[in-house]
Protein backbone atom coordinates (compact mmCIF):
# COMPACT_ATOMS: atom_id res chain seq x y z
CA MET A 1 128.26 132.72 95.79
CA ALA A 2 126.15 131.79 98.43
CA LYS A 3 127.53 129.77 101.67
CA LYS A 4 125.76 126.48 101.92
CA ARG A 5 124.31 125.51 105.02
CA THR A 6 126.19 122.98 106.74
CA LEU A 7 123.16 120.01 107.64
CA ASN A 8 121.09 120.10 110.86
CA LYS A 9 121.44 116.94 112.91
CA GLY A 10 118.43 118.38 114.57
CA ILE A 11 115.82 118.30 111.55
CA GLU A 12 117.25 114.75 110.73
CA LYS A 13 116.32 114.09 114.39
CA ALA A 14 113.35 115.43 114.19
CA CYS A 15 112.38 113.79 111.20
CA ILE A 16 113.21 110.37 112.73
CA GLU A 17 111.03 111.34 115.60
CA THR A 18 108.46 112.01 113.54
CA CYS A 19 108.23 108.84 111.03
CA SER A 20 109.52 106.13 113.56
CA ASP A 21 105.50 105.32 114.72
CA LYS A 22 103.74 107.41 111.96
CA ALA A 23 104.24 105.50 108.22
CA ASN A 24 102.28 108.39 106.75
CA MET A 25 104.52 111.22 108.00
CA TYR A 26 107.06 109.79 105.76
CA VAL A 27 105.45 111.32 102.58
CA PRO A 28 105.58 115.02 103.45
CA TRP A 29 109.20 114.65 105.27
CA TYR A 30 110.57 112.92 101.67
CA LEU A 31 108.44 115.70 99.14
CA MET A 32 110.37 118.39 101.69
CA ALA A 33 113.94 116.47 101.94
CA ALA A 34 113.77 116.34 97.67
CA TYR A 35 112.53 120.00 97.52
CA ALA A 36 115.50 121.44 99.50
CA TYR A 37 117.74 119.46 97.91
CA TYR A 38 116.82 119.57 93.86
CA VAL A 39 115.15 123.12 94.00
CA GLU A 40 116.77 125.09 96.85
CA ASP A 41 120.37 122.81 96.76
CA ASP A 42 120.23 122.78 100.20
CA PRO A 43 119.72 119.72 101.54
CA ILE A 44 118.03 118.99 104.88
CA LEU A 45 118.80 115.54 105.29
CA THR A 46 121.80 113.15 104.69
CA ASP A 47 121.69 110.86 101.54
CA ASN A 48 121.73 108.04 103.46
CA MET A 49 118.23 109.13 105.16
CA PHE A 50 116.48 109.97 102.52
CA ASP A 51 117.33 106.28 100.60
CA LYS A 52 115.83 104.92 103.81
CA MET A 53 112.77 106.77 103.80
CA ALA A 54 112.38 105.79 99.98
CA GLN A 55 112.33 102.47 100.90
CA ARG A 56 110.32 102.81 104.39
CA ILE A 57 107.75 104.32 101.91
CA LEU A 58 108.13 101.30 99.50
CA THR A 59 108.08 98.55 101.96
CA GLY A 60 104.93 100.87 103.47
CA TRP A 61 103.31 101.81 99.96
CA ASP A 62 99.95 99.57 100.42
CA ASP A 63 99.05 100.79 103.84
CA ILE A 64 100.13 104.52 103.41
CA ASP A 65 97.45 107.24 103.34
CA HIS A 66 98.64 110.36 102.87
CA VAL A 67 96.94 112.95 101.44
CA HIS A 68 100.35 113.89 98.88
CA LYS A 69 101.29 110.50 98.23
CA ARG A 70 99.86 110.72 94.79
CA TYR A 71 103.18 113.14 94.17
CA LEU A 72 104.77 110.17 94.35
CA THR A 73 105.67 106.59 92.52
CA LYS A 74 107.42 103.45 93.10
CA ASP A 75 110.03 104.06 90.33
CA MET A 76 111.22 107.74 91.68
CA LEU A 77 111.64 105.84 94.99
CA GLU A 78 113.40 102.87 93.70
CA ALA A 79 115.75 105.05 92.32
CA GLY A 80 116.07 107.24 95.39
CA THR A 81 115.25 110.68 93.46
CA TYR A 82 112.10 112.84 93.08
CA LEU A 83 111.16 114.31 89.62
CA GLY A 84 107.67 115.38 90.20
CA GLU A 85 105.66 118.46 90.74
CA TYR A 86 105.59 119.76 94.75
CA PRO A 87 102.29 120.78 96.47
CA PRO A 88 102.35 123.96 97.39
CA GLN A 89 102.93 123.38 101.01
CA VAL A 90 105.99 122.40 100.83
CA GLU A 91 108.22 125.29 100.53
CA GLY A 92 106.48 126.55 103.24
CA ALA A 93 106.68 123.45 105.38
CA LEU A 94 110.19 123.18 104.80
CA LYS A 95 110.84 126.88 105.69
CA SER A 96 108.89 126.37 109.34
CA VAL A 97 111.29 122.97 110.04
CA ARG A 98 113.86 125.16 109.19
CA ASP A 99 112.95 127.82 111.54
CA THR A 100 112.36 125.38 114.19
CA TYR A 101 115.08 123.61 114.01
CA ARG A 102 117.97 126.29 113.50
CA ASP A 103 121.18 125.29 114.93
């Protein structure tokens, strides 16, 4: 059995800093976090942070204009989960984030 990585605080901090004044950036970060959790079984964010991102996206839903917003639904966000398809860029973006914020 492969050893799981512990959460990297630098990744969560980068997420917060990137998204704090750019609501559109919650979309790719949410998708990357979902991919890390549901596909790779190796989360990059705490559950609490993931839930906060879902709420922030819901709150700003009408104002968010991101090319990957179409992958999300309000039902998924309200449930705090992700059951959809992933944009092809997510895997590479996630790898880049992990490489950039290595412990």
